Amino acid sequence: MKRLLVVACAAVAAGCGGSGGQATFNSGQVERAFREQGIALSRLPSNGAEQTAMGMTSPCSTAYLGHVAGRTVTVWVCDSAGAAGEHPQSDTTRANVVVEIPRETPQLRDRVARALRSLD
């Protein structure tokens, strides 16, 4: 009976996303989440640097600059969580979203954390 209970619990956990892939978020979701925390994001125009000589596009080519209370944050929306994990300028990450906070304050870090948590 105990073994049946363990197997049933494992099956329920797997069905609830325990073994599924990590979610990714699109630009609209990221913009909304940060806006709801009072951080207005402005999409940075492409300067071509994300295009390699082989014609491949960087997996983190969607970039934003956010402004709040005299501070800035840079936000990248990557193609995958794996690409976000390899991003060189990461202060904090959630799935495929990378945030750099050059001059952070506790209040700004809290706003960024709430924005990332609210992604759905």
C-alpha atoms as a PDB file:
ATOM      1  CA  MET A   1       0.000   0.000   0.000  1.00  0.00           C
ATOM      2  CA  LYS A   2       2.828   2.371   0.891  1.00  0.00           C
ATOM      3  CA  ARG A   3       4.466   1.720  -2.495  1.00  0.00           C
ATOM      4  CA  LEU A   4       1.185   2.518  -4.288  1.00  0.00           C
ATOM      5  CA  LEU A   5       0.956   5.832  -2.435  1.00  0.00           C
ATOM      6  CA  VAL A   6       4.525   6.779  -3.428  1.00  0.00           C
ATOM      7  CA  VAL A   7       3.844   5.919  -7.093  1.00  0.00           C
ATOM      8  CA  ALA A   8       0.590   7.909  -7.049  1.00  0.00           C
ATOM      9  CA  CYS A   9       2.327  10.966  -5.550  1.00  0.00           C
ATOM     10  CA  ALA A  10       5.074  10.789  -8.188  1.00  0.00           C
ATOM     11  CA  ALA A  11       2.486  10.591 -10.964  1.00  0.00           C
ATOM     12  CA  VAL A  12       0.623  13.613  -9.613  1.00  0.00           C
ATOM     13  CA  ALA A  13       3.875  15.616  -9.347  1.00  0.00           C
ATOM     14  CA  ALA A  14       4.813  14.739 -12.922  1.00  0.00           C
ATOM     15  CA  GLY A  15       1.362  15.748 -14.142  1.00  0.00           C
ATOM     16  CA  CYS A  16       1.700  19.136 -12.457  1.00  0.00           C
ATOM     17  CA  GLY A  17       4.718  20.122 -14.474  1.00  0.00           C
ATOM     18  CA  GLY A  18       7.342  18.543 -12.276  1.00  0.00           C
ATOM     19  CA  SER A  19       8.997  16.908 -15.269  1.00  0.00           C
ATOM     20  CA  GLY A  20       7.888  19.273 -18.028  1.00  0.00           C
ATOM     21  CA  GLY A  21       9.993  21.896 -19.744  1.00  0.00           C
ATOM     22  CA  GLN A  22      10.488  25.348 -18.318  1.00  0.00           C
ATOM     23  CA  ALA A  23       8.050  28.017 -19.488  1.00  0.00           C
ATOM     24  CA  THR A  24       9.158  30.892 -21.666  1.00  0.00           C
ATOM     25  CA  PHE A  25       7.638  34.343 -21.767  1.00  0.00           C
ATOM     26  CA  ASN A  26       7.016  36.630 -24.725  1.00  0.00           C
ATOM     27  CA  SER A  27       7.748  40.336 -25.048  1.00  0.00           C
ATOM     28  CA  GLY A  28       4.162  41.376 -24.302  1.00  0.00           C
ATOM     29  CA  GLN A  29       4.096  39.426 -21.049  1.00  0.00           C
ATOM     30  CA  VAL A  30       7.418  40.929 -19.976  1.00  0.00           C
ATOM     31  CA  GLU A  31       6.352  44.490 -20.844  1.00  0.00           C
ATOM     32  CA  ARG A  32       3.104  44.095 -18.880  1.00  0.00           C
ATOM     33  CA  ALA A  33       4.784  42.544 -15.816  1.00  0.00           C
ATOM     34  CA  PHE A  34       7.334  45.358 -15.551  1.00  0.00           C
ATOM     35  CA  ARG A  35       4.761  48.084 -16.280  1.00  0.00           C
ATOM     36  CA  GLU A  36       2.599  46.764 -13.417  1.00  0.00           C
ATOM     37  CA  GLN A  37       5.585  47.330 -11.102  1.00  0.00           C
ATOM     38  CA  GLY A  38       6.084  50.910 -12.324  1.00  0.00           C
ATOM     39  CA  ILE A  39       9.008  50.106 -14.613  1.00  0.00           C
ATOM     40  CA  ALA A  40       8.357  51.408 -18.124  1.00  0.00           C
ATOM     41  CA  LEU A  41      10.311  49.423 -20.716  1.00  0.00           C
ATOM     42  CA  SER A  42      11.448  50.937 -24.015  1.00  0.00           C
ATOM     43  CA  ARG A  43      12.475  48.460 -26.668  1.00  0.00           C
ATOM     44  CA  LEU A  44      16.013  49.045 -27.860  1.00  0.00           C
ATOM     45  CA  PRO A  45      16.398  49.220 -31.641  1.00  0.00           C
ATOM     46  CA  SER A  46      18.551  46.660 -33.371  1.00  0.00           C
ATOM     47  CA  ASN A  47      22.038  47.813 -34.209  1.00  0.00           C
ATOM     48  CA  GLY A  48      22.860  44.655 -36.119  1.00  0.00           C
ATOM     49  CA  ALA A  49      25.250  43.422 -33.429  1.00  0.00           C
ATOM     50  CA  GLU A  50      22.972  40.498 -32.650  1.00  0.00           C
ATOM     51  CA  GLN A  51      23.475  39.248 -36.232  1.00  0.00           C
ATOM     52  CA  THR A  52      26.576  37.096 -36.544  1.00  0.00           C
ATOM     53  CA  ALA A  53      28.725  36.739 -39.648  1.00  0.00           C
ATOM     54  CA  MET A  54      27.091  33.370 -40.297  1.00  0.00           C
ATOM     55  CA  GLY A  55      23.664  35.006 -40.495  1.00  0.00           C
ATOM     56  CA  MET A  56      22.482  33.595 -37.173  1.00  0.00           C
ATOM     57  CA  THR A  57      20.550  35.830 -34.798  1.00  0.00           C
ATOM     58  CA  SER A  58      21.487  36.047 -31.132  1.00  0.00           C
ATOM     59  CA  PRO A  59      19.073  34.075 -28.950  1.00  0.00           C
ATOM     60  CA  CYS A  60      18.698  37.167 -26.692  1.00  0.00           C
ATOM     61  CA  SER A  61      18.190  39.853 -29.334  1.00  0.00           C
ATOM     62  CA  THR A  62      15.009  41.406 -27.864  1.00  0.00           C
ATOM     63  CA  ALA A  63      16.280  44.041 -25.449  1.00  0.00           C
ATOM     64  CA  TYR A  64      14.656  46.774 -23.363  1.00  0.00           C
ATOM     65  CA  LEU A  65      15.822  49.671 -21.255  1.00  0.00           C
ATOM     66  CA  GLY A  66      13.673  50.356 -18.207  1.00  0.00           C
ATOM     67  CA  HIS A  67      13.523  53.522 -16.136  1.00  0.00           C
ATOM     68  CA  VAL A  68      12.307  53.963 -12.588  1.00  0.00           C
ATOM     69  CA  ALA A  69      13.179  56.489  -9.881  1.00  0.00           C
ATOM     70  CA  GLY A  70      16.293  57.741 -11.681  1.00  0.00           C
ATOM     71  CA  ARG A  71      17.648  54.209 -12.151  1.00  0.00           C
ATOM     72  CA  THR A  72      17.818  52.003 -15.195  1.00  0.00           C
ATOM     73  CA  VAL A  73      17.526  48.290 -15.811  1.00  0.00           C
ATOM     74  CA  THR A  74      18.224  46.356 -18.972  1.00  0.00           C
ATOM     75  CA  VAL A  75      15.913  43.460 -19.808  1.00  0.00           C
ATOM     76  CA  TRP A  76      16.462  40.787 -22.452  1.00  0.00           C
ATOM     77  CA  VAL A  77      13.847  38.317 -23.657  1.00  0.00           C
ATOM     78  CA  CYS A  78      15.732  35.270 -24.910  1.00  0.00           C
ATOM     79  CA  ASP A  79      14.527  32.434 -27.102  1.00  0.00           C
ATOM     80  CA  SER A  80      14.967  29.887 -24.307  1.00  0.00           C
ATOM     81  CA  ALA A  81      15.861  29.500 -20.648  1.00  0.00           C
ATOM     82  CA  GLY A  82      19.126  27.893 -21.737  1.00  0.00           C
ATOM     83  CA  ALA A  83      20.112  30.977 -23.727  1.00  0.00           C
ATOM     84  CA  ALA A  84      19.184  33.203 -20.770  1.00  0.00           C
ATOM     85  CA  GLY A  85      21.396  31.112 -18.497  1.00  0.00           C
ATOM     86  CA  GLU A  86      24.371  31.806 -20.757  1.00  0.00           C
ATOM     87  CA  HIS A  87      23.789  35.575 -20.955  1.00  0.00           C
ATOM     88  CA  PRO A  88      26.901  37.417 -19.709  1.00  0.00           C
ATOM     89  CA  GLN A  89      25.129  40.384 -18.063  1.00  0.00           C
ATOM     90  CA  SER A  90      22.682  38.653 -15.772  1.00  0.00           C
ATOM     91  CA  ASP A  91      21.917  40.020 -12.322  1.00  0.00           C
ATOM     92  CA  THR A  92      18.670  38.065 -12.106  1.00  0.00           C
ATOM     93  CA  THR A  93      16.875  35.651 -14.416  1.00  0.00           C
ATOM     94  CA  ARG A  94      13.528  33.917 -14.699  1.00  0.00           C
ATOM     95  CA  ALA A  95      13.138  31.304 -17.421  1.00  0.00           C
ATOM     96  CA  ASN A  96      14.055  33.147 -20.652  1.00  0.00           C
ATOM     97  CA  VAL A  97      14.089  36.674 -19.164  1.00  0.00           C
ATOM     98  CA  VAL A  98      17.386  38.257 -18.096  1.00  0.00           C
ATOM     99  CA  VAL A  99      17.669  41.485 -16.091  1.00  0.00           C
ATOM    100  CA  GLU A 100      20.758  43.588 -15.433  1.00  0.00           C
ATOM    101  CA  ILE A 101      20.539  46.191 -12.654  1.00  0.00           C
ATOM    102  CA  PRO A 102      23.694  48.349 -12.880  1.00  0.00           C
ATOM    103  CA  ARG A 103      23.039  50.528  -9.808  1.00  0.00           C
ATOM    104  CA  GLU A 104      20.562  48.627  -7.754  1.00  0.00           C
ATOM    105  CA  THR A 105      18.759  49.641  -4.632  1.00  0.00           C
ATOM    106  CA  PRO A 106      16.767  47.296  -2.396  1.00  0.00           C
ATOM    107  CA  GLN A 107      13.537  48.911  -3.662  1.00  0.00           C
ATOM    108  CA  LEU A 108      14.491  48.467  -7.322  1.00  0.00           C
ATOM    109  CA  ARG A 109      15.589  44.856  -6.807  1.00  0.00           C
ATOM    110  CA  ASP A 110      12.239  44.211  -5.073  1.00  0.00           C
ATOM    111  CA  ARG A 111      10.285  45.716  -8.006  1.00  0.00           C
ATOM    112  CA  VAL A 112      12.241  43.630 -10.510  1.00  0.00           C
ATOM    113  CA  ALA A 113      11.706  40.495  -8.410  1.00  0.00           C
ATOM    114  CA  ARG A 114       7.949  41.150  -8.222  1.00  0.00           C
ATOM    115  CA  ALA A 115       7.796  41.716 -11.990  1.00  0.00           C
ATOM    116  CA  LEU A 116       9.597  38.451 -12.675  1.00  0.00           C
ATOM    117  CA  ARG A 117       7.399  36.537 -10.201  1.00  0.00           C
ATOM    118  CA  SER A 118       4.251  37.915 -11.808  1.00  0.00           C
ATOM    119  CA  LEU A 119       5.079  36.569 -15.276  1.00  0.00           C
ATOM    120  CA  ASP A 120       2.423  34.115 -16.351  1.00  0.00           C
END
